[in-house]
Structures are given as structure tokens and as C-alpha cells.
């Protein structure tokens, strides 16, 4: 199979409306995006909420895709998937049916309104790093360094593979 032009990693999370179903369905939807192919995805993980703590635990995963979509077009597709799944944004770190983030896109370092690559908090979050390392153990986060080394600094963050 011909490799598509760009490699991206997408973070997935949910803690409402059957989170396992939401994340599993989103993985299928990612594989169906135009000009995009699912390469692999991680197992599902259960994690405690970050920021706003008075909410259910999250189910998280990371997917590696190949795509012809440019970063903004990919983000727009992800936001549309969130919307289709009933995502609302009441306040920062609120509970959500689905959260999809562009974590990495090739070795790009990029910032524009609403889109920063690499994702600005990914190197601080075990619920991103552990699933990422499951599918890309040698991953390097541009401007940060080894994802494995970053994961070592995420002490005290409980994560359960399910």
C-alpha cells in the first residue's frame, strides 16, 4: 500500500455517554476520514481527570494515521467528529463525550489560532504518552525530546490499561 504524505498522531478521550464506545467509534471514524489511513492505534486506557477533578475518569487512546490532509484540515475534521458525537464546551476541562487532539504531525512545530503542534501539554500527560509509546516507542516530540523520557517525568499520574 502506498504511504500517504504525512504521519500524524491523534489523541482520543471521553468520559461521558459510554466512553469506551465513544473512543472505539472515534477510532473507526478516524480510519474513514478522506485521504487518510489508520496505521495503528493503542489500547484503551483509563485515567483520572486533569484540571477539573469533579468528573468521571476518562478513557484514552492514541492513533497513528497517514494522511494527505494539511494540519488545519485534519483539525477541522476532528472537530466535526467531536460535534457529531455531541461534544459541547461548557468550560475548560469539562466532561466530554469525545475529545480529539492533533498531537504530532510529521516533525512539524507550528502555532496558529486554535492549533499548536506538537500539542502543548502532551509531554506532561501520562494518558497521552503511555498510549503513544505503546504504538511508537521511539517517538520524539519536536522541541521537547524523547516521549519515553517525558513519560518518566509524569510521576503520580495513575493510568490503567483496559
N, C-alpha and C. Protein backbone atom coordinates (compact mmCIF):
# COMPACT_ATOMS: atom_id res chain seq x y z
N UNK A 1 0.85 -1.19 0.00
CA UNK A 1 0.00 0.00 0.00
C UNK A 1 0.89 1.25 0.00
N UNK A 2 0.55 2.19 -0.83
CA UNK A 2 1.30 3.44 -0.94
C UNK A 2 1.16 4.26 0.34
N UNK A 3 2.31 4.75 0.83
CA UNK A 3 2.31 5.59 2.02
C UNK A 3 1.76 6.96 1.64
N UNK A 4 0.84 7.46 2.48
CA UNK A 4 0.33 8.81 2.25
C UNK A 4 1.37 9.81 2.73
N UNK A 5 1.21 11.04 2.38
CA UNK A 5 2.25 12.05 2.51
C UNK A 5 2.68 12.37 3.95
N UNK A 6 1.76 12.41 4.91
CA UNK A 6 2.08 12.86 6.26
C UNK A 6 1.70 11.81 7.30
N UNK A 7 2.48 11.77 8.37
CA UNK A 7 2.19 10.91 9.52
C UNK A 7 1.76 11.81 10.67
N UNK A 8 0.62 11.49 11.25
CA UNK A 8 0.12 12.27 12.39
C UNK A 8 -0.31 11.32 13.50
N UNK A 9 -0.26 11.82 14.72
CA UNK A 9 -0.76 11.10 15.88
C UNK A 9 -1.91 11.91 16.46
N UNK A 10 -3.00 11.22 16.77
CA UNK A 10 -4.21 11.84 17.29
C UNK A 10 -4.51 11.26 18.67
N UNK A 11 -4.75 12.13 19.64
CA UNK A 11 -5.16 11.70 20.96
C UNK A 11 -6.67 11.67 21.05
N UNK A 12 -7.20 10.64 21.69
CA UNK A 12 -8.64 10.47 21.85
C UNK A 12 -8.97 10.34 23.32
N UNK A 13 -10.09 10.94 23.74
CA UNK A 13 -10.52 10.80 25.12
C UNK A 13 -12.02 11.02 25.24
N UNK A 14 -12.61 10.38 26.26
CA UNK A 14 -14.03 10.53 26.54
C UNK A 14 -14.29 10.15 27.99
N UNK A 15 -15.26 10.84 28.60
CA UNK A 15 -15.70 10.40 29.93
C UNK A 15 -17.22 10.51 30.11
N UNK A 16 -17.95 10.63 29.01
CA UNK A 16 -19.41 10.68 29.05
C UNK A 16 -20.01 9.74 28.00
N UNK A 17 -21.25 9.32 28.24
CA UNK A 17 -22.04 8.58 27.24
C UNK A 17 -21.31 7.34 26.75
N UNK A 18 -20.93 6.46 27.68
CA UNK A 18 -20.23 5.21 27.36
C UNK A 18 -18.88 5.50 26.70
N UNK A 19 -17.90 5.96 27.50
CA UNK A 19 -16.61 6.38 26.96
C UNK A 19 -15.88 5.32 26.13
N UNK A 20 -15.98 4.05 26.51
CA UNK A 20 -15.32 3.01 25.72
C UNK A 20 -15.92 2.98 24.31
N UNK A 21 -17.24 3.05 24.24
CA UNK A 21 -17.91 3.09 22.93
C UNK A 21 -17.49 4.34 22.16
N UNK A 22 -17.47 5.49 22.82
CA UNK A 22 -17.13 6.75 22.14
C UNK A 22 -15.74 6.69 21.52
N UNK A 23 -14.76 6.22 22.30
CA UNK A 23 -13.39 6.18 21.78
C UNK A 23 -13.26 5.11 20.70
N UNK A 24 -13.87 3.95 20.90
CA UNK A 24 -13.81 2.89 19.88
C UNK A 24 -14.46 3.35 18.58
N UNK A 25 -15.59 4.01 18.67
CA UNK A 25 -16.27 4.53 17.47
C UNK A 25 -15.44 5.61 16.79
N UNK A 26 -14.79 6.45 17.58
CA UNK A 26 -13.96 7.51 17.01
C UNK A 26 -12.75 6.92 16.28
N UNK A 27 -12.20 5.82 16.80
CA UNK A 27 -11.10 5.17 16.09
C UNK A 27 -11.56 4.68 14.72
N UNK A 28 -12.75 4.11 14.65
CA UNK A 28 -13.30 3.69 13.37
C UNK A 28 -13.53 4.88 12.45
N UNK A 29 -14.03 5.98 13.01
CA UNK A 29 -14.28 7.18 12.21
C UNK A 29 -12.98 7.77 11.67
N UNK A 30 -11.93 7.75 12.47
CA UNK A 30 -10.63 8.25 12.01
C UNK A 30 -10.16 7.47 10.79
N UNK A 31 -10.35 6.16 10.83
CA UNK A 31 -9.93 5.32 9.71
C UNK A 31 -10.71 5.65 8.44
N UNK A 32 -11.87 6.26 8.59
CA UNK A 32 -12.71 6.61 7.45
C UNK A 32 -12.57 8.04 6.97
N UNK A 33 -11.69 8.82 7.57
CA UNK A 33 -11.51 10.19 7.10
C UNK A 33 -10.99 10.19 5.66
N UNK A 34 -11.39 11.18 4.85
CA UNK A 34 -10.90 11.23 3.47
C UNK A 34 -9.39 11.43 3.44
N UNK A 35 -8.76 10.84 2.45
CA UNK A 35 -7.32 10.97 2.22
C UNK A 35 -6.51 10.56 3.45
N UNK A 36 -7.02 9.59 4.20
CA UNK A 36 -6.40 9.21 5.47
C UNK A 36 -6.46 7.70 5.63
N UNK A 37 -5.44 7.14 6.25
CA UNK A 37 -5.38 5.72 6.52
C UNK A 37 -4.93 5.51 7.96
N UNK A 38 -5.64 4.65 8.69
CA UNK A 38 -5.22 4.28 10.04
C UNK A 38 -4.00 3.37 9.91
N UNK A 39 -2.95 3.71 10.61
CA UNK A 39 -1.75 2.86 10.62
C UNK A 39 -1.84 1.89 11.80
N UNK A 40 -2.08 2.44 12.98
CA UNK A 40 -2.24 1.63 14.19
C UNK A 40 -2.84 2.51 15.27
N UNK A 41 -3.36 1.85 16.30
CA UNK A 41 -3.83 2.60 17.46
C UNK A 41 -3.49 1.82 18.72
N UNK A 42 -3.45 2.54 19.81
CA UNK A 42 -3.09 1.96 21.10
C UNK A 42 -4.27 1.19 21.69
N UNK A 43 -3.99 0.56 22.79
CA UNK A 43 -5.04 0.01 23.64
C UNK A 43 -5.80 1.18 24.24
N UNK A 44 -6.89 0.87 24.91
CA UNK A 44 -7.63 1.89 25.66
C UNK A 44 -7.07 1.94 27.07
N UNK A 45 -7.07 3.15 27.63
CA UNK A 45 -6.55 3.38 28.98
C UNK A 45 -7.57 4.18 29.78
N UNK A 46 -7.65 3.88 31.06
CA UNK A 46 -8.48 4.65 31.98
C UNK A 46 -7.56 5.59 32.76
N UNK A 47 -7.96 6.87 32.85
CA UNK A 47 -7.15 7.85 33.57
C UNK A 47 -8.04 8.78 34.39
N UNK A 48 -7.47 9.29 35.44
CA UNK A 48 -8.17 10.28 36.27
C UNK A 48 -8.23 11.61 35.52
N UNK A 49 -9.26 12.41 35.77
CA UNK A 49 -9.35 13.72 35.11
C UNK A 49 -8.21 14.64 35.55
N UNK A 50 -7.90 15.59 34.69
CA UNK A 50 -6.87 16.60 34.95
C UNK A 50 -7.54 17.96 34.93
N UNK A 51 -7.12 18.85 35.81
CA UNK A 51 -7.71 20.19 35.84
C UNK A 51 -8.96 20.20 36.70
N UNK A 52 -10.09 20.01 36.08
CA UNK A 52 -11.38 19.93 36.78
C UNK A 52 -11.56 18.48 37.24
N UNK A 53 -11.49 18.25 38.56
CA UNK A 53 -11.43 16.89 39.08
C UNK A 53 -12.78 16.27 39.40
N UNK A 54 -13.83 17.07 39.52
CA UNK A 54 -15.15 16.55 39.91
C UNK A 54 -15.91 16.03 38.68
N UNK A 55 -15.38 14.93 38.12
CA UNK A 55 -15.98 14.34 36.94
C UNK A 55 -15.50 12.89 36.84
N UNK A 56 -16.15 12.08 36.00
CA UNK A 56 -15.74 10.67 35.86
C UNK A 56 -14.36 10.53 35.24
N UNK A 57 -13.76 9.35 35.46
CA UNK A 57 -12.50 9.02 34.80
C UNK A 57 -12.67 9.04 33.29
N UNK A 58 -11.56 9.18 32.59
CA UNK A 58 -11.53 9.21 31.13
C UNK A 58 -11.08 7.88 30.57
N UNK A 59 -11.51 7.60 29.37
CA UNK A 59 -10.95 6.54 28.54
C UNK A 59 -10.16 7.26 27.45
N UNK A 60 -8.89 6.84 27.27
CA UNK A 60 -7.99 7.50 26.33
C UNK A 60 -7.35 6.49 25.39
N UNK A 61 -6.90 6.96 24.26
CA UNK A 61 -6.14 6.17 23.29
C UNK A 61 -5.37 7.15 22.39
N UNK A 62 -4.44 6.61 21.63
CA UNK A 62 -3.72 7.39 20.63
C UNK A 62 -3.73 6.59 19.33
N UNK A 63 -3.95 7.29 18.22
CA UNK A 63 -3.95 6.67 16.90
C UNK A 63 -2.85 7.29 16.05
N UNK A 64 -2.21 6.45 15.25
CA UNK A 64 -1.27 6.91 14.25
C UNK A 64 -1.96 6.79 12.90
N UNK A 65 -1.97 7.89 12.16
CA UNK A 65 -2.58 7.89 10.84
C UNK A 65 -1.58 8.39 9.81
N UNK A 66 -1.83 8.03 8.56
CA UNK A 66 -1.16 8.66 7.42
C UNK A 66 -2.24 9.43 6.70
N UNK A 67 -1.91 10.63 6.25
CA UNK A 67 -2.93 11.49 5.66
C UNK A 67 -2.35 12.44 4.63
N UNK A 68 -3.19 12.81 3.70
CA UNK A 68 -2.87 13.87 2.76
C UNK A 68 -3.40 15.21 3.27
N UNK A 69 -4.21 15.18 4.31
CA UNK A 69 -4.80 16.40 4.86
C UNK A 69 -3.72 17.28 5.48
N UNK A 70 -3.84 18.57 5.29
CA UNK A 70 -2.96 19.53 5.96
C UNK A 70 -3.39 19.63 7.43
N UNK A 71 -2.54 20.15 8.31
CA UNK A 71 -2.88 20.18 9.74
C UNK A 71 -4.23 20.84 10.06
N UNK A 72 -4.53 21.99 9.48
CA UNK A 72 -5.79 22.67 9.79
C UNK A 72 -6.98 21.86 9.29
N UNK A 73 -6.84 21.27 8.10
CA UNK A 73 -7.93 20.44 7.57
C UNK A 73 -8.15 19.22 8.45
N UNK A 74 -7.07 18.62 8.94
CA UNK A 74 -7.20 17.48 9.85
C UNK A 74 -7.91 17.91 11.12
N UNK A 75 -7.49 19.02 11.71
CA UNK A 75 -8.15 19.51 12.92
C UNK A 75 -9.63 19.77 12.67
N UNK A 76 -9.95 20.39 11.56
CA UNK A 76 -11.36 20.66 11.25
C UNK A 76 -12.17 19.37 11.18
N UNK A 77 -11.60 18.33 10.58
CA UNK A 77 -12.29 17.03 10.52
C UNK A 77 -12.48 16.45 11.92
N UNK A 78 -11.46 16.59 12.77
CA UNK A 78 -11.56 16.08 14.14
C UNK A 78 -12.63 16.83 14.93
N UNK A 79 -12.68 18.14 14.76
CA UNK A 79 -13.70 18.94 15.45
C UNK A 79 -15.10 18.57 14.97
N UNK A 80 -15.24 18.26 13.68
CA UNK A 80 -16.53 17.83 13.15
C UNK A 80 -16.94 16.49 13.76
N UNK A 81 -15.99 15.57 13.92
CA UNK A 81 -16.29 14.29 14.57
C UNK A 81 -16.72 14.50 16.02
N UNK A 82 -16.02 15.38 16.72
CA UNK A 82 -16.42 15.70 18.10
C UNK A 82 -17.86 16.20 18.14
N UNK A 83 -18.17 17.12 17.25
CA UNK A 83 -19.51 17.70 17.20
C UNK A 83 -20.57 16.63 16.92
N UNK A 84 -20.28 15.74 15.97
CA UNK A 84 -21.22 14.66 15.64
C UNK A 84 -21.49 13.76 16.85
N UNK A 85 -20.50 13.65 17.74
CA UNK A 85 -20.64 12.81 18.94
C UNK A 85 -21.23 13.58 20.12
N UNK A 86 -21.65 14.82 19.88
CA UNK A 86 -22.32 15.59 20.93
C UNK A 86 -21.40 16.39 21.82
N UNK A 87 -20.17 16.64 21.39
CA UNK A 87 -19.22 17.40 22.21
C UNK A 87 -19.73 18.83 22.40
N UNK A 88 -19.75 19.28 23.64
CA UNK A 88 -20.02 20.68 23.96
C UNK A 88 -18.85 21.19 24.79
N UNK A 89 -18.70 22.48 24.86
CA UNK A 89 -17.57 23.09 25.57
C UNK A 89 -18.09 24.11 26.58
N UNK A 90 -18.57 23.59 27.73
CA UNK A 90 -19.12 24.47 28.76
C UNK A 90 -18.05 25.30 29.46
N UNK A 91 -16.91 24.64 29.78
CA UNK A 91 -15.80 25.32 30.45
C UNK A 91 -14.55 24.48 30.25
N UNK A 92 -13.40 25.05 30.59
CA UNK A 92 -12.12 24.37 30.41
C UNK A 92 -12.07 23.07 31.20
N UNK A 93 -11.64 22.01 30.54
CA UNK A 93 -11.51 20.68 31.15
C UNK A 93 -12.83 20.07 31.60
N UNK A 94 -13.93 20.50 31.00
CA UNK A 94 -15.25 19.96 31.35
C UNK A 94 -15.36 18.51 30.89
N UNK A 95 -16.29 17.76 31.49
CA UNK A 95 -16.57 16.41 30.99
C UNK A 95 -16.95 16.49 29.50
N UNK A 96 -16.66 15.42 28.75
CA UNK A 96 -16.94 15.46 27.31
C UNK A 96 -17.22 14.08 26.75
N UNK A 97 -18.08 14.08 25.73
CA UNK A 97 -18.37 12.83 25.04
C UNK A 97 -17.17 12.38 24.22
N UNK A 98 -16.46 13.34 23.63
CA UNK A 98 -15.30 13.00 22.81
C UNK A 98 -14.37 14.19 22.70
N UNK A 99 -13.09 13.90 22.84
CA UNK A 99 -12.05 14.90 22.68
C UNK A 99 -11.02 14.32 21.72
N UNK A 100 -10.75 15.01 20.64
CA UNK A 100 -9.77 14.59 19.64
C UNK A 100 -8.75 15.69 19.46
N UNK A 101 -7.47 15.34 19.61
CA UNK A 101 -6.40 16.33 19.51
C UNK A 101 -5.34 15.87 18.52
N UNK A 102 -4.89 16.80 17.67
CA UNK A 102 -3.71 16.54 16.85
C UNK A 102 -2.52 16.67 17.80
N UNK A 103 -1.85 15.55 18.05
CA UNK A 103 -0.70 15.55 18.95
C UNK A 103 0.58 15.89 18.20
N UNK A 104 0.81 15.18 17.13
CA UNK A 104 2.01 15.34 16.30
C UNK A 104 1.62 15.27 14.84
N UNK A 105 2.37 15.96 14.01
CA UNK A 105 2.15 15.94 12.57
C UNK A 105 3.53 16.02 11.94
N UNK A 106 4.01 14.88 11.41
CA UNK A 106 5.40 14.77 10.96
C UNK A 106 6.30 15.28 12.08
N UNK A 107 7.30 16.08 11.74
CA UNK A 107 8.15 16.68 12.77
C UNK A 107 7.87 18.19 12.89
N UNK A 108 6.65 18.55 12.53
CA UNK A 108 6.23 19.94 12.48
C UNK A 108 6.17 20.59 13.87
N UNK A 109 6.65 21.81 13.95
CA UNK A 109 6.41 22.69 15.09
C UNK A 109 5.66 23.89 14.51
N UNK A 110 4.43 24.08 15.00
CA UNK A 110 3.53 25.04 14.35
C UNK A 110 2.59 25.62 15.39
N UNK A 111 2.30 26.92 15.25
CA UNK A 111 1.29 27.54 16.10
C UNK A 111 0.48 28.53 15.29
N UNK A 112 -0.83 28.37 15.37
CA UNK A 112 -1.77 29.34 14.81
C UNK A 112 -2.97 29.33 15.75
N UNK A 113 -3.87 30.24 15.57
CA UNK A 113 -5.04 30.30 16.45
C UNK A 113 -5.77 28.96 16.46
N UNK A 114 -5.87 28.37 17.64
CA UNK A 114 -6.62 27.12 17.80
C UNK A 114 -5.87 25.85 17.45
N UNK A 115 -4.61 25.96 17.02
CA UNK A 115 -3.85 24.77 16.64
C UNK A 115 -2.37 24.96 16.95
N UNK A 116 -1.89 24.16 17.88
CA UNK A 116 -0.47 24.13 18.20
C UNK A 116 0.01 22.70 18.06
N UNK A 117 1.08 22.51 17.29
CA UNK A 117 1.68 21.19 17.07
C UNK A 117 3.17 21.32 17.37
N UNK A 118 3.73 20.44 18.22
CA UNK A 118 3.06 19.39 18.97
C UNK A 118 2.05 19.97 19.96
N UNK A 119 1.11 19.12 20.35
CA UNK A 119 0.11 19.56 21.33
C UNK A 119 0.85 20.09 22.54
N UNK A 120 0.51 21.28 23.02
CA UNK A 120 1.33 21.95 24.04
C UNK A 120 1.42 21.26 25.40
N UNK A 121 0.50 20.38 25.74
CA UNK A 121 0.54 19.72 27.04
C UNK A 121 0.88 18.23 26.95
N UNK A 122 1.08 17.71 25.75
CA UNK A 122 1.21 16.26 25.60
C UNK A 122 2.37 15.67 26.38
N UNK A 123 3.47 16.39 26.50
CA UNK A 123 4.65 15.86 27.19
C UNK A 123 4.48 15.83 28.71
N UNK A 124 3.37 16.37 29.21
CA UNK A 124 3.10 16.40 30.65
C UNK A 124 2.02 15.42 31.06
N UNK A 125 1.49 14.65 30.12
CA UNK A 125 0.30 13.84 30.38
C UNK A 125 0.56 12.36 30.10
N UNK A 126 0.55 11.58 31.16
CA UNK A 126 0.75 10.13 31.02
C UNK A 126 -0.32 9.52 30.13
N UNK A 127 -1.55 10.06 30.19
CA UNK A 127 -2.63 9.48 29.39
C UNK A 127 -2.45 9.70 27.90
N UNK A 128 -1.51 10.55 27.52
CA UNK A 128 -1.13 10.71 26.12
C UNK A 128 0.15 9.91 25.85
N UNK A 129 1.13 10.05 26.72
CA UNK A 129 2.45 9.47 26.46
C UNK A 129 2.45 7.94 26.48
N UNK A 130 1.79 7.33 27.44
CA UNK A 130 1.82 5.87 27.52
C UNK A 130 1.17 5.21 26.29
N UNK A 131 -0.03 5.65 25.88
CA UNK A 131 -0.58 5.07 24.64
C UNK A 131 0.28 5.38 23.41
N UNK A 132 0.85 6.57 23.36
CA UNK A 132 1.74 6.93 22.26
C UNK A 132 2.94 5.99 22.21
N UNK A 133 3.55 5.75 23.36
CA UNK A 133 4.72 4.89 23.41
C UNK A 133 4.38 3.43 23.10
N UNK A 134 3.16 3.04 23.37
CA UNK A 134 2.73 1.67 23.03
C UNK A 134 2.83 1.44 21.52
N UNK A 135 2.48 2.45 20.71
CA UNK A 135 2.47 2.27 19.26
C UNK A 135 3.68 2.89 18.56
N UNK A 136 4.42 3.76 19.25
CA UNK A 136 5.60 4.42 18.66
C UNK A 136 6.66 4.58 19.75
N UNK A 137 7.30 3.48 20.15
CA UNK A 137 8.21 3.52 21.30
C UNK A 137 9.41 4.45 21.14
N UNK A 138 9.79 4.76 19.91
CA UNK A 138 10.94 5.64 19.68
C UNK A 138 10.53 7.06 19.35
N UNK A 139 9.29 7.41 19.63
CA UNK A 139 8.75 8.71 19.26
C UNK A 139 9.53 9.86 19.90
N UNK A 140 9.76 10.88 19.08
CA UNK A 140 10.40 12.12 19.55
C UNK A 140 9.38 13.24 19.36
N UNK A 141 9.22 14.05 20.39
CA UNK A 141 8.32 15.20 20.35
C UNK A 141 9.15 16.42 19.96
N UNK A 142 8.90 16.98 18.77
CA UNK A 142 9.71 18.12 18.32
C UNK A 142 9.73 19.25 19.36
N UNK A 143 10.94 19.73 19.64
CA UNK A 143 11.11 20.81 20.60
C UNK A 143 11.14 20.34 22.04
N UNK A 144 10.81 19.07 22.29
CA UNK A 144 10.77 18.52 23.65
C UNK A 144 11.81 17.44 23.83
N UNK A 145 11.79 16.45 22.92
CA UNK A 145 12.71 15.32 23.01
C UNK A 145 11.96 14.01 23.06
N UNK A 146 12.60 13.02 23.61
CA UNK A 146 12.07 11.66 23.66
C UNK A 146 10.76 11.59 24.44
N UNK A 147 9.74 10.97 23.83
CA UNK A 147 8.48 10.77 24.54
C UNK A 147 8.69 9.85 25.74
N UNK A 148 9.59 8.88 25.61
CA UNK A 148 9.87 7.97 26.73
C UNK A 148 10.46 8.71 27.91
N UNK A 149 11.36 9.64 27.66
CA UNK A 149 11.94 10.43 28.75
C UNK A 149 10.88 11.35 29.37
N UNK A 150 10.03 11.93 28.55
CA UNK A 150 8.95 12.77 29.08
C UNK A 150 8.03 11.95 29.97
N UNK A 151 7.74 10.71 29.58
CA UNK A 151 6.85 9.85 30.36
C UNK A 151 7.41 9.58 31.75
N UNK A 152 8.72 9.51 31.87
CA UNK A 152 9.35 9.27 33.17
C UNK A 152 9.09 10.41 34.15
N UNK A 153 8.78 11.58 33.63
CA UNK A 153 8.52 12.75 34.48
C UNK A 153 7.06 12.88 34.89
N UNK A 154 6.23 11.98 34.39
CA UNK A 154 4.78 12.03 34.70
C UNK A 154 4.46 11.18 35.91
N UNK A 155 5.23 11.36 36.95
CA UNK A 155 5.02 10.57 38.16
C UNK A 155 3.73 11.00 38.85
N UNK A 156 3.10 10.04 39.47
CA UNK A 156 1.90 10.33 40.22
C UNK A 156 0.63 10.36 39.39
N UNK A 157 0.73 10.14 38.09
CA UNK A 157 -0.45 10.11 37.22
C UNK A 157 -0.86 8.65 37.02
N UNK A 158 -1.99 8.29 37.57
CA UNK A 158 -2.47 6.91 37.50
C UNK A 158 -3.11 6.63 36.15
N UNK A 159 -2.70 5.51 35.58
CA UNK A 159 -3.19 5.12 34.27
C UNK A 159 -3.37 3.60 34.28
N UNK A 160 -4.51 3.14 33.79
CA UNK A 160 -4.81 1.71 33.77
C UNK A 160 -5.15 1.28 32.34
N UNK A 161 -4.39 0.34 31.82
CA UNK A 161 -4.70 -0.22 30.50
C UNK A 161 -5.92 -1.13 30.64
N UNK A 162 -6.92 -0.97 29.75
CA UNK A 162 -8.11 -1.80 29.86
C UNK A 162 -8.31 -2.65 28.62
